[in-house]
C-alpha atoms as a PDB file:
ATOM      1  CA  MET A   1      11.403 -35.566  25.647  1.00  0.00           C
ATOM      2  CA  ALA A   2      13.967 -36.518  23.141  1.00  0.00           C
ATOM      3  CA  PHE A   3      16.780 -38.100  23.504  1.00  0.00           C
ATOM      4  CA  PRO A   4      19.755 -38.583  22.184  1.00  0.00           C
ATOM      5  CA  ARG A   5      20.576 -40.997  19.362  1.00  0.00           C
ATOM      6  CA  ARG A   6      24.176 -40.452  18.941  1.00  0.00           C
ATOM      7  CA  PRO A   7      26.774 -41.015  22.012  1.00  0.00           C
ATOM      8  CA  VAL A   8      30.080 -39.366  22.124  1.00  0.00           C
ATOM      9  CA  ALA A   9      32.713 -41.420  19.912  1.00  0.00           C
ATOM     10  CA  ASP A  10      34.837 -43.745  22.661  1.00  0.00           C
ATOM     11  CA  GLU A  11      32.237 -43.337  25.357  1.00  0.00           C
ATOM     12  CA  PRO A  12      31.511 -46.596  27.174  1.00  0.00           C
ATOM     13  CA  LEU A  13      28.250 -47.376  27.174  1.00  0.00           C
ATOM     14  CA  LEU A  14      26.200 -50.008  29.189  1.00  0.00           C
ATOM     15  CA  THR A  15      23.438 -52.174  28.650  1.00  0.00           C
ATOM     16  CA  PRO A  16      20.614 -52.213  31.288  1.00  0.00           C
ATOM     17  CA  SER A  17      21.859 -55.276  32.404  1.00  0.00           C
ATOM     18  CA  GLN A  18      25.134 -53.921  33.203  1.00  0.00           C
ATOM     19  CA  VAL A  19      23.961 -51.212  35.200  1.00  0.00           C
ATOM     20  CA  ALA A  20      21.349 -53.173  37.017  1.00  0.00           C
ATOM     21  CA  ALA A  21      24.666 -55.343  38.198  1.00  0.00           C
ATOM     22  CA  MET A  22      26.372 -51.993  39.334  1.00  0.00           C
ATOM     23  CA  LEU A  23      23.375 -51.037  41.291  1.00  0.00           C
ATOM     24  CA  GLY A  24      22.848 -54.153  42.799  1.00  0.00           C
ATOM     25  CA  LYS A  25      19.273 -54.474  41.275  1.00  0.00           C
ATOM     26  CA  GLU A  26      16.878 -56.033  38.957  1.00  0.00           C
ATOM     27  CA  ARG A  27      17.141 -54.885  35.519  1.00  0.00           C
ATOM     28  CA  SER A  28      13.536 -53.759  35.628  1.00  0.00           C
ATOM     29  CA  THR A  29      14.120 -51.240  37.938  1.00  0.00           C
ATOM     30  CA  VAL A  30      16.852 -49.759  36.164  1.00  0.00           C
ATOM     31  CA  PHE A  31      13.877 -49.117  33.075  1.00  0.00           C
ATOM     32  CA  ARG A  32      12.086 -47.697  35.992  1.00  0.00           C
ATOM     33  CA  ILE A  33      14.686 -44.871  37.281  1.00  0.00           C
ATOM     34  CA  PRO A  34      13.295 -41.672  35.710  1.00  0.00           C
ATOM     35  CA  PRO A  35      15.432 -40.177  32.774  1.00  0.00           C
ATOM     36  CA  GLY A  36      16.302 -37.221  34.547  1.00  0.00           C
ATOM     37  CA  GLU A  37      17.992 -39.211  37.141  1.00  0.00           C
ATOM     38  CA  LEU A  38      19.861 -41.719  34.881  1.00  0.00           C
ATOM     39  CA  PRO A  39      20.180 -40.416  31.343  1.00  0.00           C
ATOM     40  CA  PHE A  40      19.946 -42.894  28.702  1.00  0.00           C
ATOM     41  CA  VAL A  41      20.841 -42.905  24.431  1.00  0.00           C
ATOM     42  CA  LEU A  42      18.701 -45.049  22.002  1.00  0.00           C
ATOM     43  CA  THR A  43      20.757 -47.127  19.449  1.00  0.00           C
ATOM     44  CA  ALA A  44      19.017 -47.843  16.191  1.00  0.00           C
ATOM     45  CA  GLY A  45      16.038 -50.199  16.625  1.00  0.00           C
ATOM     46  CA  GLY A  46      14.034 -52.702  14.253  1.00  0.00           C
ATOM     47  CA  GLU A  47      11.138 -52.210  12.413  1.00  0.00           C
ATOM     48  CA  LYS A  48       8.758 -52.179  15.442  1.00  0.00           C
ATOM     49  CA  ARG A  49      11.238 -51.126  18.170  1.00  0.00           C
ATOM     50  CA  LYS A  50      12.436 -47.234  18.698  1.00  0.00           C
ATOM     51  CA  GLY A  51      15.712 -48.487  19.968  1.00  0.00           C
ATOM     52  CA  HIS A  52      17.997 -49.725  22.660  1.00  0.00           C
ATOM     53  CA  ARG A  53      18.602 -47.908  25.809  1.00  0.00           C
ATOM     54  CA  ARG A  54      22.473 -47.436  26.291  1.00  0.00           C
ATOM     55  CA  TYR A  55      23.562 -45.627  29.808  1.00  0.00           C
ATOM     56  CA  ARG A  56      27.004 -43.507  29.270  1.00  0.00           C
ATOM     57  CA  GLN A  57      29.522 -44.858  32.131  1.00  0.00           C
ATOM     58  CA  ARG A  58      29.641 -41.460  33.321  1.00  0.00           C
ATOM     59  CA  ASP A  59      25.835 -40.750  33.838  1.00  0.00           C
ATOM     60  CA  VAL A  60      25.895 -44.106  36.040  1.00  0.00           C
ATOM     61  CA  ASP A  61      29.034 -43.145  37.792  1.00  0.00           C
ATOM     62  CA  LYS A  62      27.205 -39.877  38.775  1.00  0.00           C
ATOM     63  CA  TYR A  63      23.940 -41.631  39.896  1.00  0.00           C
ATOM     64  CA  VAL A  64      26.026 -44.088  41.907  1.00  0.00           C
ATOM     65  CA  GLY A  65      27.451 -40.844  43.244  1.00  0.00           C
ATOM     66  CA  THR A  66      24.572 -39.235  44.499  1.00  0.00           C
ATOM     67  CA  ARG A  67      22.806 -42.634  45.718  1.00  0.00           C
ATOM     68  CA  ALA A  68      25.757 -43.775  47.914  1.00  0.00           C
ATOM     69  CA  ASP A  69      24.838 -44.945  51.092  1.00  0.00           C
ATOM     70  CA  PRO A  70      26.070 -42.557  54.138  1.00  0.00           C
ATOM     71  CA  PRO A  71      29.613 -43.764  55.494  1.00  0.00           C
ATOM     72  CA  LEU A  72      29.195 -46.520  58.652  1.00  0.00           C
ATOM     73  CA  ALA A  73      29.786 -45.017  60.943  1.00  0.00           C
ATOM     74  CA  GLU A  74      26.825 -42.363  60.657  1.00  0.00           C
ATOM     75  CA  ARG A  75      24.688 -45.340  60.140  1.00  0.00           C
ATOM     76  CA  VAL A  76      25.581 -46.866  63.294  1.00  0.00           C
ATOM     77  CA  ALA A  77      24.903 -43.757  65.213  1.00  0.00           C
ATOM     78  CA  ARG A  78      21.578 -43.373  63.591  1.00  0.00           C
ATOM     79  CA  LEU A  79      20.896 -46.468  64.785  1.00  0.00           C
ATOM     80  CA  GLU A  80      21.875 -46.275  68.315  1.00  0.00           C
ATOM     81  CA  GLU A  81      19.764 -42.953  68.422  1.00  0.00           C
ATOM     82  CA  ARG A  82      16.731 -44.868  67.547  1.00  0.00           C
ATOM     83  CA  VAL A  83      17.346 -47.771  70.200  1.00  0.00           C
ATOM     84  CA  ASP A  84      18.075 -44.972  72.718  1.00  0.00           C
ATOM     85  CA  ARG A  85      14.423 -43.306  72.065  1.00  0.00           C
ATOM     86  CA  LEU A  86      12.691 -46.689  71.939  1.00  0.00           C
ATOM     87  CA  GLU A  87      14.576 -47.912  75.100  1.00  0.00           C
ATOM     88  CA  SER A  88      13.228 -44.629  76.633  1.00  0.00           C
ATOM     89  CA  LYS A  89       9.945 -44.993  76.223  1.00  0.00           C
END
């Protein structure tokens, strides 16, 4: 799979550590997110490196939007249903 090497000018790029902080996860978790879910671009690397991952702000925002938790009221309702089922057993 080929990854774009040149980001659009003036487009904010984030490091894996910055993305991890936004997601409330460890940096290693960010590396395990499939590129189809959270695309990245590669910067120029050194002799032995293929490049450094950078994430577009808009891609991170989109990923966060697709992973948003359901509203609190919905989560409470689900928990209450589970409690009711357990109590009825």
